[in-house]
Amino acid sequence: MRRHATTLTLAAVAAALLSGCTAEVAGSASPDAEAAVLPDEERQEVFCTDVPALLQDITAQLEDVRTDPASATATLDDAVTRMEEVQPPDDVADEWDRLVAAWQDLRDLVAQVDPTDPGANQELATDLLELQPELVDAGTAIDEWGQANC
């Protein structure tokens, strides 16, 4: 839940897509599926416990993308799916929705890139820079909420 993690994640994705090596992405963890039926107070407890671990896991997976840029789309799709499963407490729901929407935009952007086209890398870099402020701002809002409430 740190701004630094969000920025690192964006940098890892950009670096992976702008380089070109090979390896596997592994691991997965999802937030407590029962959070949707919990009262707000309990959702806060689950959110404070599960979201930092979720974001760390996603960041680690995206760092692995550096060695396998072709896996970026699938890795981002998995990350977005896992983030969409999170049911945040009411007072951070808008910020969480902003963060998930920014990740969805990142996933959609990466899905459009042809990794075999060297010209696509420059366009992707430009698009990633345009998306970065929303990723960072949304991530910062979540981090600040977490510091104040967890």
C-alpha atoms as a PDB file:
ATOM      1  CA  MET A   1       0.000   0.000   0.000  1.00  0.00           C
ATOM      2  CA  ARG A   2       2.864   2.349  -0.609  1.00  0.00           C
ATOM      3  CA  ARG A   3       3.345   4.985  -3.250  1.00  0.00           C
ATOM      4  CA  HIS A   4       6.833   3.589  -3.676  1.00  0.00           C
ATOM      5  CA  ALA A   5       5.431   0.137  -4.462  1.00  0.00           C
ATOM      6  CA  THR A   6       3.071   1.582  -7.058  1.00  0.00           C
ATOM      7  CA  THR A   7       5.869   3.548  -8.676  1.00  0.00           C
ATOM      8  CA  LEU A   8       8.159   0.520  -8.585  1.00  0.00           C
ATOM      9  CA  THR A   9       5.468  -1.605 -10.140  1.00  0.00           C
ATOM     10  CA  LEU A  10       4.956   0.852 -12.974  1.00  0.00           C
ATOM     11  CA  ALA A  11       8.722   1.038 -13.456  1.00  0.00           C
ATOM     12  CA  ALA A  12       9.002  -2.757 -13.439  1.00  0.00           C
ATOM     13  CA  VAL A  13       6.289  -3.107 -16.061  1.00  0.00           C
ATOM     14  CA  ALA A  14       7.815  -0.390 -18.216  1.00  0.00           C
ATOM     15  CA  ALA A  15      11.303  -1.850 -17.899  1.00  0.00           C
ATOM     16  CA  ALA A  16      10.048  -5.324 -18.707  1.00  0.00           C
ATOM     17  CA  LEU A  17       8.185  -4.200 -21.756  1.00  0.00           C
ATOM     18  CA  LEU A  18      10.995  -2.013 -23.002  1.00  0.00           C
ATOM     19  CA  SER A  19      13.605  -4.754 -22.583  1.00  0.00           C
ATOM     20  CA  GLY A  20      13.174  -8.298 -23.846  1.00  0.00           C
ATOM     21  CA  CYS A  21      14.310 -11.441 -22.060  1.00  0.00           C
ATOM     22  CA  THR A  22      12.525 -14.649 -20.846  1.00  0.00           C
ATOM     23  CA  ALA A  23      11.414 -16.461 -17.611  1.00  0.00           C
ATOM     24  CA  GLU A  24       8.213 -17.424 -15.697  1.00  0.00           C
ATOM     25  CA  VAL A  25       5.855 -15.538 -13.439  1.00  0.00           C
ATOM     26  CA  ALA A  26       4.676 -17.552 -10.454  1.00  0.00           C
ATOM     27  CA  GLY A  27       2.625 -17.188  -7.306  1.00  0.00           C
ATOM     28  CA  SER A  28      -0.751 -15.747  -6.464  1.00  0.00           C
ATOM     29  CA  ALA A  29      -2.679 -14.644  -3.445  1.00  0.00           C
ATOM     30  CA  SER A  30      -6.120 -13.118  -3.276  1.00  0.00           C
ATOM     31  CA  PRO A  31      -7.886 -11.178  -0.569  1.00  0.00           C
ATOM     32  CA  ASP A  32     -10.449 -12.787   1.665  1.00  0.00           C
ATOM     33  CA  ALA A  33     -13.450 -13.580  -0.540  1.00  0.00           C
ATOM     34  CA  GLU A  34     -15.772 -13.251   2.455  1.00  0.00           C
ATOM     35  CA  ALA A  35     -15.021  -9.525   2.765  1.00  0.00           C
ATOM     36  CA  ALA A  36     -18.056  -8.693   0.601  1.00  0.00           C
ATOM     37  CA  VAL A  37     -20.448  -9.912   3.295  1.00  0.00           C
ATOM     38  CA  LEU A  38     -18.618  -8.426   6.266  1.00  0.00           C
ATOM     39  CA  PRO A  39     -19.673  -5.259   8.065  1.00  0.00           C
ATOM     40  CA  ASP A  40     -17.565  -2.184   7.266  1.00  0.00           C
ATOM     41  CA  GLU A  41     -15.502  -2.496  10.457  1.00  0.00           C
ATOM     42  CA  GLU A  42     -14.526  -6.058   9.614  1.00  0.00           C
ATOM     43  CA  ARG A  43     -13.853  -5.119   5.968  1.00  0.00           C
ATOM     44  CA  GLN A  44     -11.411  -2.527   7.282  1.00  0.00           C
ATOM     45  CA  GLU A  45      -9.590  -5.166   9.313  1.00  0.00           C
ATOM     46  CA  VAL A  46      -9.433  -7.531   6.317  1.00  0.00           C
ATOM     47  CA  PHE A  47      -8.375  -4.692   4.013  1.00  0.00           C
ATOM     48  CA  CYS A  48      -5.580  -3.613   6.378  1.00  0.00           C
ATOM     49  CA  THR A  49      -4.332  -7.185   6.676  1.00  0.00           C
ATOM     50  CA  ASP A  50      -4.740  -8.499   3.141  1.00  0.00           C
ATOM     51  CA  VAL A  51      -4.148  -5.547   0.811  1.00  0.00           C
ATOM     52  CA  PRO A  52      -0.494  -4.886   1.727  1.00  0.00           C
ATOM     53  CA  ALA A  53       0.317  -8.561   1.128  1.00  0.00           C
ATOM     54  CA  LEU A  54      -1.677  -8.559  -2.096  1.00  0.00           C
ATOM     55  CA  LEU A  55       0.138  -5.496  -3.450  1.00  0.00           C
ATOM     56  CA  GLN A  56       3.522  -6.917  -2.438  1.00  0.00           C
ATOM     57  CA  ASP A  57       2.711 -10.161  -4.236  1.00  0.00           C
ATOM     58  CA  ILE A  58       1.552  -8.318  -7.353  1.00  0.00           C
ATOM     59  CA  THR A  59       4.687  -6.168  -7.318  1.00  0.00           C
ATOM     60  CA  ALA A  60       6.881  -9.277  -7.039  1.00  0.00           C
ATOM     61  CA  GLN A  61       5.085 -10.908  -9.958  1.00  0.00           C
ATOM     62  CA  LEU A  62       5.501  -7.799 -12.080  1.00  0.00           C
ATOM     63  CA  GLU A  63       9.203  -7.660 -11.275  1.00  0.00           C
ATOM     64  CA  ASP A  64       9.411 -11.170 -12.750  1.00  0.00           C
ATOM     65  CA  VAL A  65       7.933  -9.775 -15.982  1.00  0.00           C
ATOM     66  CA  ARG A  66      11.312  -8.161 -16.657  1.00  0.00           C
ATOM     67  CA  THR A  67      12.583 -11.542 -17.712  1.00  0.00           C
ATOM     68  CA  ASP A  68       9.471 -12.430 -19.711  1.00  0.00           C
ATOM     69  CA  PRO A  69       7.849  -9.336 -21.245  1.00  0.00           C
ATOM     70  CA  ALA A  70       5.411 -11.508 -23.196  1.00  0.00           C
ATOM     71  CA  SER A  71       3.816 -12.492 -19.863  1.00  0.00           C
ATOM     72  CA  ALA A  72       3.015  -8.876 -18.932  1.00  0.00           C
ATOM     73  CA  THR A  73      -0.556  -8.912 -20.202  1.00  0.00           C
ATOM     74  CA  ALA A  74      -1.464 -12.125 -18.394  1.00  0.00           C
ATOM     75  CA  THR A  75       0.288 -10.972 -15.215  1.00  0.00           C
ATOM     76  CA  LEU A  76      -1.505  -7.613 -15.262  1.00  0.00           C
ATOM     77  CA  ASP A  77      -4.829  -9.311 -15.982  1.00  0.00           C
ATOM     78  CA  ASP A  78      -4.316 -11.563 -12.964  1.00  0.00           C
ATOM     79  CA  ALA A  79      -3.342  -8.560 -10.819  1.00  0.00           C
ATOM     80  CA  VAL A  80      -6.433  -6.594 -11.857  1.00  0.00           C
ATOM     81  CA  THR A  81      -8.707  -9.579 -11.242  1.00  0.00           C
ATOM     82  CA  ARG A  82      -7.293 -10.012  -7.752  1.00  0.00           C
ATOM     83  CA  MET A  83      -7.614  -6.291  -7.012  1.00  0.00           C
ATOM     84  CA  GLU A  84     -11.228  -6.283  -8.222  1.00  0.00           C
ATOM     85  CA  GLU A  85     -12.013  -8.989  -5.633  1.00  0.00           C
ATOM     86  CA  VAL A  86     -11.052  -6.682  -2.759  1.00  0.00           C
ATOM     87  CA  GLN A  87     -13.984  -5.168  -0.903  1.00  0.00           C
ATOM     88  CA  PRO A  88     -12.600  -2.058   0.791  1.00  0.00           C
ATOM     89  CA  PRO A  89     -14.217  -0.323   3.740  1.00  0.00           C
ATOM     90  CA  ASP A  90     -16.582   2.482   2.764  1.00  0.00           C
ATOM     91  CA  ASP A  91     -14.260   5.358   3.642  1.00  0.00           C
ATOM     92  CA  VAL A  92     -11.517   4.200   1.230  1.00  0.00           C
ATOM     93  CA  ALA A  93     -13.713   2.632  -1.460  1.00  0.00           C
ATOM     94  CA  ASP A  94     -13.451   5.579  -3.862  1.00  0.00           C
ATOM     95  CA  GLU A  95      -9.663   5.617  -3.623  1.00  0.00           C
ATOM     96  CA  TRP A  96      -9.499   1.855  -4.108  1.00  0.00           C
ATOM     97  CA  ASP A  97     -11.777   2.106  -7.155  1.00  0.00           C
ATOM     98  CA  ARG A  98      -9.441   4.779  -8.614  1.00  0.00           C
ATOM     99  CA  LEU A  99      -6.438   2.514  -8.067  1.00  0.00           C
ATOM    100  CA  VAL A 100      -8.158  -0.479  -9.652  1.00  0.00           C
ATOM    101  CA  ALA A 101      -9.271   1.657 -12.615  1.00  0.00           C
ATOM    102  CA  ALA A 102      -5.675   2.861 -13.128  1.00  0.00           C
ATOM    103  CA  TRP A 103      -4.457  -0.746 -13.082  1.00  0.00           C
ATOM    104  CA  GLN A 104      -7.195  -1.691 -15.550  1.00  0.00           C
ATOM    105  CA  ASP A 105      -5.982   1.103 -17.828  1.00  0.00           C
ATOM    106  CA  LEU A 106      -2.416  -0.166 -17.463  1.00  0.00           C
ATOM    107  CA  ARG A 107      -3.501  -3.709 -18.306  1.00  0.00           C
ATOM    108  CA  ASP A 108      -5.487  -2.539 -21.336  1.00  0.00           C
ATOM    109  CA  LEU A 109      -2.605  -0.394 -22.532  1.00  0.00           C
ATOM    110  CA  VAL A 110      -0.097  -3.227 -22.294  1.00  0.00           C
ATOM    111  CA  ALA A 111      -2.514  -5.639 -23.997  1.00  0.00           C
ATOM    112  CA  GLN A 112      -2.530  -3.412 -27.087  1.00  0.00           C
ATOM    113  CA  VAL A 113       1.249  -3.487 -27.538  1.00  0.00           C
ATOM    114  CA  ASP A 114       2.906  -5.816 -30.022  1.00  0.00           C
ATOM    115  CA  PRO A 115       6.063  -6.963 -28.204  1.00  0.00           C
ATOM    116  CA  THR A 116       7.675  -7.796 -31.560  1.00  0.00           C
ATOM    117  CA  ASP A 117       7.347  -4.204 -32.822  1.00  0.00           C
ATOM    118  CA  PRO A 118      10.295  -2.069 -31.637  1.00  0.00           C
ATOM    119  CA  GLY A 119       8.331   1.095 -32.490  1.00  0.00           C
ATOM    120  CA  ALA A 120       5.599   0.080 -30.075  1.00  0.00           C
ATOM    121  CA  ASN A 121       8.009   0.441 -27.162  1.00  0.00           C
ATOM    122  CA  GLN A 122       8.340   4.196 -27.646  1.00  0.00           C
ATOM    123  CA  GLU A 123       4.586   4.667 -27.845  1.00  0.00           C
ATOM    124  CA  LEU A 124       4.122   2.481 -24.774  1.00  0.00           C
ATOM    125  CA  ALA A 125       6.702   4.487 -22.839  1.00  0.00           C
ATOM    126  CA  THR A 126       4.826   7.692 -23.644  1.00  0.00           C
ATOM    127  CA  ASP A 127       1.471   6.183 -22.662  1.00  0.00           C
ATOM    128  CA  LEU A 128       2.922   4.776 -19.430  1.00  0.00           C
ATOM    129  CA  LEU A 129       4.231   8.203 -18.479  1.00  0.00           C
ATOM    130  CA  GLU A 130       0.751   9.643 -19.003  1.00  0.00           C
ATOM    131  CA  LEU A 131      -0.782   6.938 -16.801  1.00  0.00           C
ATOM    132  CA  GLN A 132       1.818   7.201 -14.043  1.00  0.00           C
ATOM    133  CA  PRO A 133       0.289  10.217 -12.211  1.00  0.00           C
ATOM    134  CA  GLU A 134      -3.040   8.438 -11.704  1.00  0.00           C
ATOM    135  CA  LEU A 135      -1.326   5.251 -10.525  1.00  0.00           C
ATOM    136  CA  VAL A 136       0.840   7.218  -8.111  1.00  0.00           C
ATOM    137  CA  ASP A 137      -1.959   9.499  -6.881  1.00  0.00           C
ATOM    138  CA  ALA A 138      -4.369   6.619  -6.301  1.00  0.00           C
ATOM    139  CA  GLY A 139      -1.637   4.547  -4.654  1.00  0.00           C
ATOM    140  CA  THR A 140      -0.669   7.468  -2.422  1.00  0.00           C
ATOM    141  CA  ALA A 141      -4.289   7.962  -1.343  1.00  0.00           C
ATOM    142  CA  ILE A 142      -4.547   4.271  -0.369  1.00  0.00           C
ATOM    143  CA  ASP A 143      -1.205   4.441   1.440  1.00  0.00           C
ATOM    144  CA  GLU A 144      -2.211   7.555   3.391  1.00  0.00           C
ATOM    145  CA  TRP A 145      -5.515   5.979   4.350  1.00  0.00           C
ATOM    146  CA  GLY A 146      -3.716   2.836   5.456  1.00  0.00           C
ATOM    147  CA  GLN A 147      -1.241   4.775   7.587  1.00  0.00           C
ATOM    148  CA  ALA A 148      -4.077   6.616   9.288  1.00  0.00           C
ATOM    149  CA  ASN A 149      -6.458   3.675   9.718  1.00  0.00           C
ATOM    150  CA  CYS A 150      -4.547   0.395   9.869  1.00  0.00           C
END
